[in-house]
PDB file of all heavy atoms in Angstrom:
ATOM      1  N   ARG A   1     -25.291  99.068 179.467  1.00  0.00           N
ATOM      2  CA  ARG A   1     -24.757  97.753 179.151  1.00  0.00           C
ATOM      3  C   ARG A   1     -23.280  97.726 179.510  1.00  0.00           C
ATOM      4  O   ARG A   1     -22.593  98.746 179.490  1.00  0.00           O
ATOM      5  CB  ARG A   1     -24.964  97.407 177.678  1.00  0.00           C
ATOM      6  CG  ARG A   1     -24.204  98.282 176.691  1.00  0.00           C
ATOM      7  CD  ARG A   1     -24.588  97.920 175.260  1.00  0.00           C
ATOM      8  NE  ARG A   1     -23.880  98.744 174.286  1.00  0.00           N
ATOM      9  CZ  ARG A   1     -24.121  98.726 172.971  1.00  0.00           C
ATOM     10  NH1 ARG A   1     -25.065  97.916 172.473  1.00  0.00           N
ATOM     11  NH2 ARG A   1     -23.437  99.502 172.163  1.00  0.00           N
ATOM     12  N   GLN A   2     -22.825  96.522 179.842  1.00  0.00           N
ATOM     13  CA  GLN A   2     -21.422  96.339 180.175  1.00  0.00           C
ATOM     14  C   GLN A   2     -20.945  95.024 179.597  1.00  0.00           C
ATOM     15  O   GLN A   2     -21.463  93.954 179.947  1.00  0.00           O
ATOM     16  CB  GLN A   2     -21.187  96.392 181.681  1.00  0.00           C
ATOM     17  CG  GLN A   2     -19.717  96.420 182.051  1.00  0.00           C
ATOM     18  CD  GLN A   2     -19.487  96.810 183.492  1.00  0.00           C
ATOM     19  OE1 GLN A   2     -20.359  96.709 184.336  1.00  0.00           O
ATOM     20  NE2 GLN A   2     -18.284  97.286 183.782  1.00  0.00           N
ATOM     21  N   ALA A   3     -19.970  95.116 178.714  1.00  0.00           N
ATOM     22  CA  ALA A   3     -19.343  93.936 178.132  1.00  0.00           C
ATOM     23  C   ALA A   3     -18.130  93.561 178.972  1.00  0.00           C
ATOM     24  O   ALA A   3     -17.548  94.416 179.650  1.00  0.00           O
ATOM     25  CB  ALA A   3     -18.937  94.219 176.691  1.00  0.00           C
ATOM     26  N   PRO A   4     -17.715  92.297 178.927  1.00  0.00           N
ATOM     27  CA  PRO A   4     -16.547  91.869 179.705  1.00  0.00           C
ATOM     28  C   PRO A   4     -15.322  92.716 179.386  1.00  0.00           C
ATOM     29  O   PRO A   4     -14.996  92.939 178.220  1.00  0.00           O
ATOM     30  CB  PRO A   4     -16.351  90.418 179.257  1.00  0.00           C
ATOM     31  CG  PRO A   4     -17.695  89.978 178.822  1.00  0.00           C
ATOM     32  CD  PRO A   4     -18.338  91.177 178.206  1.00  0.00           C
ATOM     33  N   GLY A   5     -14.676  93.213 180.433  1.00  0.00           N
ATOM     34  CA  GLY A   5     -13.463  93.992 180.258  1.00  0.00           C
ATOM     35  C   GLY A   5     -13.672  95.413 179.813  1.00  0.00           C
ATOM     36  O   GLY A   5     -12.700  96.135 179.552  1.00  0.00           O
ATOM     37  N   LYS A   6     -14.925  95.837 179.692  1.00  0.00           N
ATOM     38  CA  LYS A   6     -15.219  97.198 179.235  1.00  0.00           C
ATOM     39  C   LYS A   6     -15.994  97.971 180.294  1.00  0.00           C
ATOM     40  O   LYS A   6     -16.605  97.383 181.186  1.00  0.00           O
ATOM     41  CB  LYS A   6     -16.012  97.159 177.932  1.00  0.00           C
ATOM     42  CG  LYS A   6     -15.237  96.578 176.764  1.00  0.00           C
ATOM     43  CD  LYS A   6     -15.978  96.750 175.466  1.00  0.00           C
ATOM     44  CE  LYS A   6     -15.157  96.257 174.288  1.00  0.00           C
ATOM     45  NZ  LYS A   6     -15.884  96.437 173.000  1.00  0.00           N
ATOM     46  N   GLU A   7     -15.975  99.288 180.165  1.00  0.00           N
ATOM     47  CA  GLU A   7     -16.725 100.126 181.095  1.00  0.00           C
ATOM     48  C   GLU A   7     -18.215 100.076 180.784  1.00  0.00           C
ATOM     49  O   GLU A   7     -18.631  99.784 179.660  1.00  0.00           O
ATOM     50  CB  GLU A   7     -16.230 101.577 180.995  1.00  0.00           C
ATOM     51  CG  GLU A   7     -14.826 101.791 181.504  1.00  0.00           C
ATOM     52  CD  GLU A   7     -14.439 103.248 181.557  1.00  0.00           C
ATOM     53  OE1 GLU A   7     -15.267 104.097 181.145  1.00  0.00           O
ATOM     54  OE2 GLU A   7     -13.330 103.553 181.988  1.00  0.00           O
ATOM     55  N   ARG A   8     -18.999 100.379 181.798  1.00  0.00           N
ATOM     56  CA  ARG A   8     -20.444 100.466 181.623  1.00  0.00           C
ATOM     57  C   ARG A   8     -20.768 101.604 180.669  1.00  0.00           C
ATOM     58  O   ARG A   8     -20.208 102.696 180.777  1.00  0.00           O
ATOM     59  CB  ARG A   8     -21.118 100.693 182.967  1.00  0.00           C
ATOM     60  CG  ARG A   8     -22.631 100.801 182.912  1.00  0.00           C
ATOM     61  CD  ARG A   8     -23.162 101.067 184.303  1.00  0.00           C
ATOM     62  NE  ARG A   8     -23.099  99.894 185.125  1.00  0.00           N
ATOM     63  CZ  ARG A   8     -23.256  99.909 186.457  1.00  0.00           C
ATOM     64  NH1 ARG A   8     -23.451 101.055 187.073  1.00  0.00           N
ATOM     65  NH2 ARG A   8     -23.210  98.807 187.137  1.00  0.00           N
ATOM     66  N   GLU A   9     -21.692 101.345 179.749  1.00  0.00           N
ATOM     67  CA  GLU A   9     -22.048 102.330 178.728  1.00  0.00           C
ATOM     68  C   GLU A   9     -23.538 102.652 178.815  1.00  0.00           C
ATOM     69  O   GLU A   9     -24.361 101.723 178.848  1.00  0.00           O
ATOM     70  CB  GLU A   9     -21.727 101.761 177.342  1.00  0.00           C
ATOM     71  CG  GLU A   9     -22.178 102.648 176.191  1.00  0.00           C
ATOM     72  CD  GLU A   9     -22.071 101.967 174.841  1.00  0.00           C
ATOM     73  OE1 GLU A   9     -21.977 100.724 174.795  1.00  0.00           O
ATOM     74  OE2 GLU A   9     -22.107 102.677 173.819  1.00  0.00           O
ATOM     75  N   GLY A  10     -23.869 103.914 178.840  1.00  0.00           N
ATOM     76  CA  GLY A  10     -25.266 104.323 178.764  1.00  0.00           C
ATOM     77  C   GLY A  10     -25.791 104.122 177.355  1.00  0.00           C
ATOM     78  O   GLY A  10     -25.175 104.609 176.404  1.00  0.00           O
ATOM     79  N   VAL A  11     -26.887 103.413 177.216  1.00  0.00           N
ATOM     80  CA  VAL A  11     -27.434 103.069 175.902  1.00  0.00           C
ATOM     81  C   VAL A  11     -28.582 103.993 175.521  1.00  0.00           C
ATOM     82  O   VAL A  11     -28.612 104.558 174.433  1.00  0.00           O
ATOM     83  CB  VAL A  11     -27.913 101.607 175.899  1.00  0.00           C
ATOM     84  CG1 VAL A  11     -28.601 101.260 174.583  1.00  0.00           C
ATOM     85  CG2 VAL A  11     -26.744 100.660 176.148  1.00  0.00           C
ATOM     86  N   SER A  12     -29.533 104.150 176.451  1.00  0.00           N
ATOM     87  CA  SER A  12     -30.707 104.969 176.156  1.00  0.00           C
ATOM     88  C   SER A  12     -31.367 105.382 177.457  1.00  0.00           C
ATOM     89  O   SER A  12     -31.227 104.692 178.472  1.00  0.00           O
ATOM     90  CB  SER A  12     -31.702 104.176 175.301  1.00  0.00           C
ATOM     91  OG  SER A  12     -32.833 104.965 174.992  1.00  0.00           O
ATOM     92  N   CYS A  13     -32.074 106.507 177.428  1.00  0.00           N
ATOM     93  CA  CYS A  13     -32.788 106.956 178.632  1.00  0.00           C
ATOM     94  C   CYS A  13     -34.100 107.622 178.239  1.00  0.00           C
ATOM     95  O   CYS A  13     -34.261 108.124 177.125  1.00  0.00           O
ATOM     96  CB  CYS A  13     -31.944 107.900 179.467  1.00  0.00           C
ATOM     97  SG  CYS A  13     -31.250 109.266 178.559  1.00  0.00           S
ATOM     98  N   PHE A  14     -35.024 107.576 179.196  1.00  0.00           N
ATOM     99  CA  PHE A  14     -36.365 108.137 179.019  1.00  0.00           C
ATOM    100  C   PHE A  14     -36.570 109.100 180.177  1.00  0.00           C
ATOM    101  O   PHE A  14     -36.686 108.663 181.330  1.00  0.00           O
ATOM    102  CB  PHE A  14     -37.388 106.998 179.045  1.00  0.00           C
ATOM    103  CG  PHE A  14     -38.761 107.387 178.592  1.00  0.00           C
ATOM    104  CD1 PHE A  14     -39.290 106.862 177.431  1.00  0.00           C
ATOM    105  CD2 PHE A  14     -39.546 108.271 179.322  1.00  0.00           C
ATOM    106  CE1 PHE A  14     -40.561 107.200 177.020  1.00  0.00           C
ATOM    107  CE2 PHE A  14     -40.804 108.619 178.911  1.00  0.00           C
ATOM    108  CZ  PHE A  14     -41.309 108.082 177.756  1.00  0.00           C
ATOM    109  N   SER A  15     -36.598 110.388 179.876  1.00  0.00           N
ATOM    110  CA  SER A  15     -36.658 111.390 180.934  1.00  0.00           C
ATOM    111  C   SER A  15     -38.032 111.474 181.565  1.00  0.00           C
ATOM    112  O   SER A  15     -39.057 111.379 180.881  1.00  0.00           O
ATOM    113  CB  SER A  15     -36.279 112.749 180.362  1.00  0.00           C
ATOM    114  OG  SER A  15     -36.472 113.764 181.331  1.00  0.00           O
ATOM    115  N   SER A  16     -38.056 111.693 182.902  1.00  0.00           N
ATOM    116  CA  SER A  16     -39.321 111.886 183.606  1.00  0.00           C
ATOM    117  C   SER A  16     -39.943 113.224 183.248  1.00  0.00           C
ATOM    118  O   SER A  16     -41.129 113.448 183.476  1.00  0.00           O
ATOM    119  CB  SER A  16     -39.103 111.795 185.108  1.00  0.00           C
ATOM    120  OG  SER A  16     -38.189 112.790 185.532  1.00  0.00           O
ATOM    121  N   SER A  17     -39.137 114.128 182.714  1.00  0.00           N
ATOM    122  CA  SER A  17     -39.603 115.467 182.376  1.00  0.00           C
ATOM    123  C   SER A  17     -39.914 115.558 180.892  1.00  0.00           C
ATOM    124  O   SER A  17     -39.007 115.607 180.060  1.00  0.00           O
ATOM    125  CB  SER A  17     -38.540 116.503 182.754  1.00  0.00           C
ATOM    126  OG  SER A  17     -38.941 117.798 182.359  1.00  0.00           O
ATOM    127  N   GLY A  18     -41.181 115.519 180.565  1.00  0.00           N
ATOM    128  CA  GLY A  18     -41.581 115.689 179.170  1.00  0.00           C
ATOM    129  C   GLY A  18     -41.439 114.474 178.296  1.00  0.00           C
ATOM    130  O   GLY A  18     -41.722 114.527 177.103  1.00  0.00           O
ATOM    131  N   GLY A  19     -41.009 113.353 178.874  1.00  0.00           N
ATOM    132  CA  GLY A  19     -40.896 112.133 178.100  1.00  0.00           C
ATOM    133  C   GLY A  19     -39.834 112.155 177.022  1.00  0.00           C
ATOM    134  O   GLY A  19     -39.902 111.405 176.045  1.00  0.00           O
ATOM    135  N   ARG A  20     -38.821 113.003 177.173  1.00  0.00           N
ATOM    136  CA  ARG A  20     -37.755 113.059 176.181  1.00  0.00           C
ATOM    137  C   ARG A  20     -36.905 111.812 176.257  1.00  0.00           C
ATOM    138  O   ARG A  20     -36.767 111.189 177.306  1.00  0.00           O
ATOM    139  CB  ARG A  20     -36.908 114.303 176.403  1.00  0.00           C
ATOM    140  CG  ARG A  20     -37.673 115.607 176.232  1.00  0.00           C
ATOM    141  CD  ARG A  20     -36.818 116.789 176.615  1.00  0.00           C
ATOM    142  NE  ARG A  20     -35.683 116.945 175.707  1.00  0.00           N
ATOM    143  CZ  ARG A  20     -34.701 117.817 175.902  1.00  0.00           C
ATOM    144  NH1 ARG A  20     -34.709 118.597 176.978  1.00  0.00           N
ATOM    145  NH2 ARG A  20     -33.722 117.933 175.038  1.00  0.00           N
ATOM    146  N   THR A  21     -36.301 111.452 175.130  1.00  0.00           N
ATOM    147  CA  THR A  21     -35.444 110.282 175.070  1.00  0.00           C
ATOM    148  C   THR A  21     -34.073 110.668 174.527  1.00  0.00           C
ATOM    149  O   THR A  21     -33.913 111.693 173.856  1.00  0.00           O
ATOM    150  CB  THR A  21     -36.045 109.182 174.184  1.00  0.00           C
ATOM    151  OG1 THR A  21     -36.242 109.704 172.864  1.00  0.00           O
ATOM    152  CG2 THR A  21     -37.371 108.688 174.741  1.00  0.00           C
ATOM    153  N   LYS A  22     -33.103 109.823 174.821  1.00  0.00           N
ATOM    154  CA  LYS A  22     -31.737 110.046 174.356  1.00  0.00           C
ATOM    155  C   LYS A  22     -31.112 108.692 174.080  1.00  0.00           C
ATOM    156  O   LYS A  22     -31.404 107.715 174.789  1.00  0.00           O
ATOM    157  CB  LYS A  22     -30.929 110.810 175.406  1.00  0.00           C
ATOM    158  CG  LYS A  22     -29.540 111.223 174.956  1.00  0.00           C
ATOM    159  CD  LYS A  22     -28.884 112.081 176.034  1.00  0.00           C
ATOM    160  CE  LYS A  22     -27.508 112.560 175.612  1.00  0.00           C
ATOM    161  NZ  LYS A  22     -26.896 113.441 176.628  1.00  0.00           N
ATOM    162  N   TYR A  23     -30.246 108.636 173.062  1.00  0.00           N
ATOM    163  CA  TYR A  23     -29.596 107.394 172.691  1.00  0.00           C
ATOM    164  C   TYR A  23     -28.102 107.616 172.512  1.00  0.00           C
ATOM    165  O   TYR A  23     -27.667 108.683 172.061  1.00  0.00           O
ATOM    166  CB  TYR A  23     -30.178 106.865 171.371  1.00  0.00           C
ATOM    167  CG  TYR A  23     -31.647 106.527 171.456  1.00  0.00           C
ATOM    168  CD1 TYR A  23     -32.619 107.480 171.171  1.00  0.00           C
ATOM    169  CD2 TYR A  23     -32.057 105.253 171.850  1.00  0.00           C
ATOM    170  CE1 TYR A  23     -33.967 107.168 171.263  1.00  0.00           C
ATOM    171  CE2 TYR A  23     -33.399 104.940 171.934  1.00  0.00           C
ATOM    172  CZ  TYR A  23     -34.350 105.902 171.645  1.00  0.00           C
ATOM    173  OH  TYR A  23     -35.685 105.580 171.748  1.00  0.00           O
ATOM    174  N   ALA A  24     -27.340 106.584 172.846  1.00  0.00           N
ATOM    175  CA  ALA A  24     -25.920 106.597 172.511  1.00  0.00           C
ATOM    176  C   ALA A  24     -25.776 106.570 170.993  1.00  0.00           C
ATOM    177  O   ALA A  24     -26.598 105.972 170.285  1.00  0.00           O
ATOM    178  CB  ALA A  24     -25.227 105.394 173.135  1.00  0.00           C
ATOM    179  N   ASP A  25     -24.726 107.202 170.486  1.00  0.00           N
ATOM    180  CA  ASP A  25     -24.512 107.238 169.039  1.00  0.00           C
ATOM    181  C   ASP A  25     -24.440 105.835 168.448  1.00  0.00           C
ATOM    182  O   ASP A  25     -24.864 105.607 167.306  1.00  0.00           O
ATOM    183  CB  ASP A  25     -23.228 108.005 168.718  1.00  0.00           C
ATOM    184  CG  ASP A  25     -23.370 109.499 168.959  1.00  0.00           C
ATOM    185  OD1 ASP A  25     -24.521 109.990 169.051  1.00  0.00           O
ATOM    186  OD2 ASP A  25     -22.326 110.174 169.064  1.00  0.00           O
ATOM    187  N   SER A  26     -23.921 104.906 169.216  1.00  0.00           N
ATOM    188  CA  SER A  26     -23.714 103.537 168.723  1.00  0.00           C
ATOM    189  C   SER A  26     -25.021 102.787 168.462  1.00  0.00           C
ATOM    190  O   SER A  26     -25.007 101.757 167.777  1.00  0.00           O
ATOM    191  CB  SER A  26     -22.851 102.746 169.712  1.00  0.00           C
ATOM    192  OG  SER A  26     -23.460 102.730 170.997  1.00  0.00           O
ATOM    193  N   VAL A  27     -26.139 103.284 169.005  1.00  0.00           N
ATOM    194  CA  VAL A  27     -27.408 102.556 168.835  1.00  0.00           C
ATOM    195  C   VAL A  27     -28.494 103.388 168.168  1.00  0.00           C
ATOM    196  O   VAL A  27     -29.592 102.888 167.924  1.00  0.00           O
ATOM    197  CB  VAL A  27     -27.932 102.028 170.196  1.00  0.00           C
ATOM    198  CG1 VAL A  27     -26.874 101.192 170.891  1.00  0.00           C
ATOM    199  CG2 VAL A  27     -28.412 103.170 171.088  1.00  0.00           C
ATOM    200  N   LYS A  28     -28.206 104.633 167.847  1.00  0.00           N
ATOM    201  CA  LYS A  28     -29.210 105.499 167.229  1.00  0.00           C
ATOM    202  C   LYS A  28     -29.743 104.893 165.936  1.00  0.00           C
ATOM    203  O   LYS A  28     -28.982 104.390 165.119  1.00  0.00           O
ATOM    204  CB  LYS A  28     -28.614 106.872 166.932  1.00  0.00           C
ATOM    205  CG  LYS A  28     -28.582 107.803 168.108  1.00  0.00           C
ATOM    206  CD  LYS A  28     -27.992 109.148 167.727  1.00  0.00           C
ATOM    207  CE  LYS A  28     -27.915 110.065 168.922  1.00  0.00           C
ATOM    208  NZ  LYS A  28     -27.259 111.353 168.602  1.00  0.00           N
ATOM    209  N   GLY A  29     -31.047 104.930 165.794  1.00  0.00           N
ATOM    210  CA  GLY A  29     -31.690 104.389 164.605  1.00  0.00           C
ATOM    211  C   GLY A  29     -31.971 102.904 164.676  1.00  0.00           C
ATOM    212  O   GLY A  29     -32.680 102.363 163.826  1.00  0.00           O
ATOM    213  N   ARG A  30     -31.417 102.231 165.682  1.00  0.00           N
ATOM    214  CA  ARG A  30     -31.620 100.779 165.823  1.00  0.00           C
ATOM    215  C   ARG A  30     -32.370 100.411 167.089  1.00  0.00           C
ATOM    216  O   ARG A  30     -33.086  99.420 167.119  1.00  0.00           O
ATOM    217  CB  ARG A  30     -30.267 100.062 165.794  1.00  0.00           C
ATOM    218  CG  ARG A  30     -29.487 100.281 164.523  1.00  0.00           C
ATOM    219  CD  ARG A  30     -28.223  99.423 164.480  1.00  0.00           C
ATOM    220  NE  ARG A  30     -27.278  99.762 165.534  1.00  0.00           N
ATOM    221  CZ  ARG A  30     -26.919  98.923 166.510  1.00  0.00           C
ATOM    222  NH1 ARG A  30     -27.428  97.703 166.546  1.00  0.00           N
ATOM    223  NH2 ARG A  30     -26.043  99.300 167.406  1.00  0.00           N
ATOM    224  N   PHE A  31     -32.187 101.195 168.155  1.00  0.00           N
ATOM    225  CA  PHE A  31     -32.821 100.907 169.445  1.00  0.00           C
ATOM    226  C   PHE A  31     -33.914 101.940 169.708  1.00  0.00           C
ATOM    227  O   PHE A  31     -33.788 103.110 169.333  1.00  0.00           O
ATOM    228  CB  PHE A  31     -31.804 100.985 170.583  1.00  0.00           C
ATOM    229  CG  PHE A  31     -30.803  99.856 170.631  1.00  0.00           C
ATOM    230  CD1 PHE A  31     -30.605  98.994 169.562  1.00  0.00           C
ATOM    231  CD2 PHE A  31     -30.038  99.656 171.773  1.00  0.00           C
ATOM    232  CE1 PHE A  31     -29.695  97.964 169.613  1.00  0.00           C
ATOM    233  CE2 PHE A  31     -29.112  98.630 171.851  1.00  0.00           C
ATOM    234  CZ  PHE A  31     -28.932  97.794 170.771  1.00  0.00           C
ATOM    235  N   THR A  32     -34.961 101.504 170.407  1.00  0.00           N
ATOM    236  CA  THR A  32     -36.041 102.402 170.803  1.00  0.00           C
ATOM    237  C   THR A  32     -36.417 102.121 172.256  1.00  0.00           C
ATOM    238  O   THR A  32     -36.653 100.970 172.617  1.00  0.00           O
ATOM    239  CB  THR A  32     -37.281 102.207 169.919  1.00  0.00           C
ATOM    240  OG1 THR A  32     -36.936 102.413 168.543  1.00  0.00           O
ATOM    241  CG2 THR A  32     -38.373 103.203 170.307  1.00  0.00           C
ATOM    242  N   ILE A  33     -36.479 103.184 173.052  1.00  0.00           N
ATOM    243  CA  ILE A  33     -36.911 103.054 174.445  1.00  0.00           C
ATOM    244  C   ILE A  33     -38.325 103.604 174.548  1.00  0.00           C
ATOM    245  O   ILE A  33     -38.654 104.639 173.957  1.00  0.00           O
ATOM    246  CB  ILE A  33     -35.956 103.799 175.402  1.00  0.00           C
ATOM    247  CG1 ILE A  33     -36.295 103.499 176.868  1.00  0.00           C
ATOM    248  CG2 ILE A  33     -35.941 105.297 175.141  1.00  0.00           C
ATOM    249  CD1 ILE A  33     -35.247 104.018 177.859  1.00  0.00           C
ATOM    250  N   TYR A  34     -39.177 102.876 175.282  1.00  0.00           N
ATOM    251  CA  TYR A  34     -40.527 103.377 175.471  1.00  0.00           C
ATOM    252  C   TYR A  34     -41.092 102.826 176.774  1.00  0.00           C
ATOM    253  O   TYR A  34     -40.579 101.853 177.322  1.00  0.00           O
ATOM    254  CB  TYR A  34     -41.435 103.051 174.282  1.00  0.00           C
ATOM    255  CG  TYR A  34     -41.638 101.589 173.984  1.00  0.00           C
ATOM    256  CD1 TYR A  34     -42.776 100.905 174.395  1.00  0.00           C
ATOM    257  CD2 TYR A  34     -40.687 100.874 173.254  1.00  0.00           C
ATOM    258  CE1 TYR A  34     -42.960  99.571 174.096  1.00  0.00           C
ATOM    259  CE2 TYR A  34     -40.864  99.540 172.945  1.00  0.00           C
ATOM    260  CZ  TYR A  34     -41.997  98.897 173.368  1.00  0.00           C
ATOM    261  OH  TYR A  34     -42.185  97.560 173.071  1.00  0.00           O
ATOM    262  N   ARG A  35     -42.144 103.466 177.234  1.00  0.00           N
ATOM    263  CA  ARG A  35     -42.697 103.164 178.562  1.00  0.00           C
ATOM    264  C   ARG A  35     -44.155 102.740 178.445  1.00  0.00           C
ATOM    265  O   ARG A  35     -44.903 103.280 177.636  1.00  0.00           O
ATOM    266  CB  ARG A  35     -42.587 104.425 179.432  1.00  0.00           C
ATOM    267  CG  ARG A  35     -42.871 104.252 180.884  1.00  0.00           C
ATOM    268  CD  ARG A  35     -43.219 105.592 181.533  1.00  0.00           C
ATOM    269  NE  ARG A  35     -42.207 106.609 181.337  1.00  0.00           N
ATOM    270  CZ  ARG A  35     -41.376 107.010 182.291  1.00  0.00           C
ATOM    271  NH1 ARG A  35     -41.424 106.472 183.488  1.00  0.00           N
ATOM    272  NH2 ARG A  35     -40.512 107.974 182.053  1.00  0.00           N
ATOM    273  N   ASP A  36     -44.565 101.777 179.255  1.00  0.00           N
ATOM    274  CA  ASP A  36     -45.973 101.401 179.412  1.00  0.00           C
ATOM    275  C   ASP A  36     -46.326 101.647 180.871  1.00  0.00           C
ATOM    276  O   ASP A  36     -46.022 100.824 181.740  1.00  0.00           O
ATOM    277  CB  ASP A  36     -46.187  99.941 179.023  1.00  0.00           C
ATOM    278  CG  ASP A  36     -47.667  99.537 179.061  1.00  0.00           C
ATOM    279  OD1 ASP A  36     -48.456 100.175 179.789  1.00  0.00           O
ATOM    280  OD2 ASP A  36     -48.025  98.574 178.372  1.00  0.00           O
ATOM    281  N   ASN A  37     -46.949 102.790 181.145  1.00  0.00           N
ATOM    282  CA  ASN A  37     -47.243 103.145 182.533  1.00  0.00           C
ATOM    283  C   ASN A  37     -48.213 102.162 183.179  1.00  0.00           C
ATOM    284  O   ASN A  37     -48.103 101.888 184.389  1.00  0.00           O
ATOM    285  CB  ASN A  37     -47.817 104.554 182.602  1.00  0.00           C
ATOM    286  CG  ASN A  37     -46.777 105.616 182.302  1.00  0.00           C
ATOM    287  OD1 ASN A  37     -45.571 105.366 182.417  1.00  0.00           O
ATOM    288  ND2 ASN A  37     -47.214 106.779 181.885  1.00  0.00           N
ATOM    289  N   ALA A  38     -49.132 101.630 182.418  1.00  0.00           N
ATOM    290  CA  ALA A  38     -50.111 100.694 182.985  1.00  0.00           C
ATOM    291  C   ALA A  38     -49.428  99.434 183.521  1.00  0.00           C
ATOM    292  O   ALA A  38     -49.903  98.823 184.483  1.00  0.00           O
ATOM    293  CB  ALA A  38     -51.145 100.336 181.937  1.00  0.00           C
ATOM    294  N   LYS A  39     -48.316  99.071 182.897  1.00  0.00           N
ATOM    295  CA  LYS A  39     -47.578  97.875 183.335  1.00  0.00           C
ATOM    296  C   LYS A  39     -46.373  98.238 184.197  1.00  0.00           C
ATOM    297  O   LYS A  39     -45.623  97.343 184.597  1.00  0.00           O
ATOM    298  CB  LYS A  39     -47.123  97.076 182.119  1.00  0.00           C
ATOM    299  CG  LYS A  39     -48.277  96.507 181.307  1.00  0.00           C
ATOM    300  CD  LYS A  39     -47.784  95.654 180.151  1.00  0.00           C
ATOM    301  CE  LYS A  39     -48.955  95.041 179.390  1.00  0.00           C
ATOM    302  NZ  LYS A  39     -48.493  94.201 178.246  1.00  0.00           N
TER     303      LYS A  39
END
């Protein structure tokens, strides 16, 4: 995400290896990343 006047920030990622996920501290516990391979 990128807000006006601010640097781009990584929010969350879903690794291709083992399906691991990672979240920025600012969104932990509030955001969830997930994948639907069929779609």
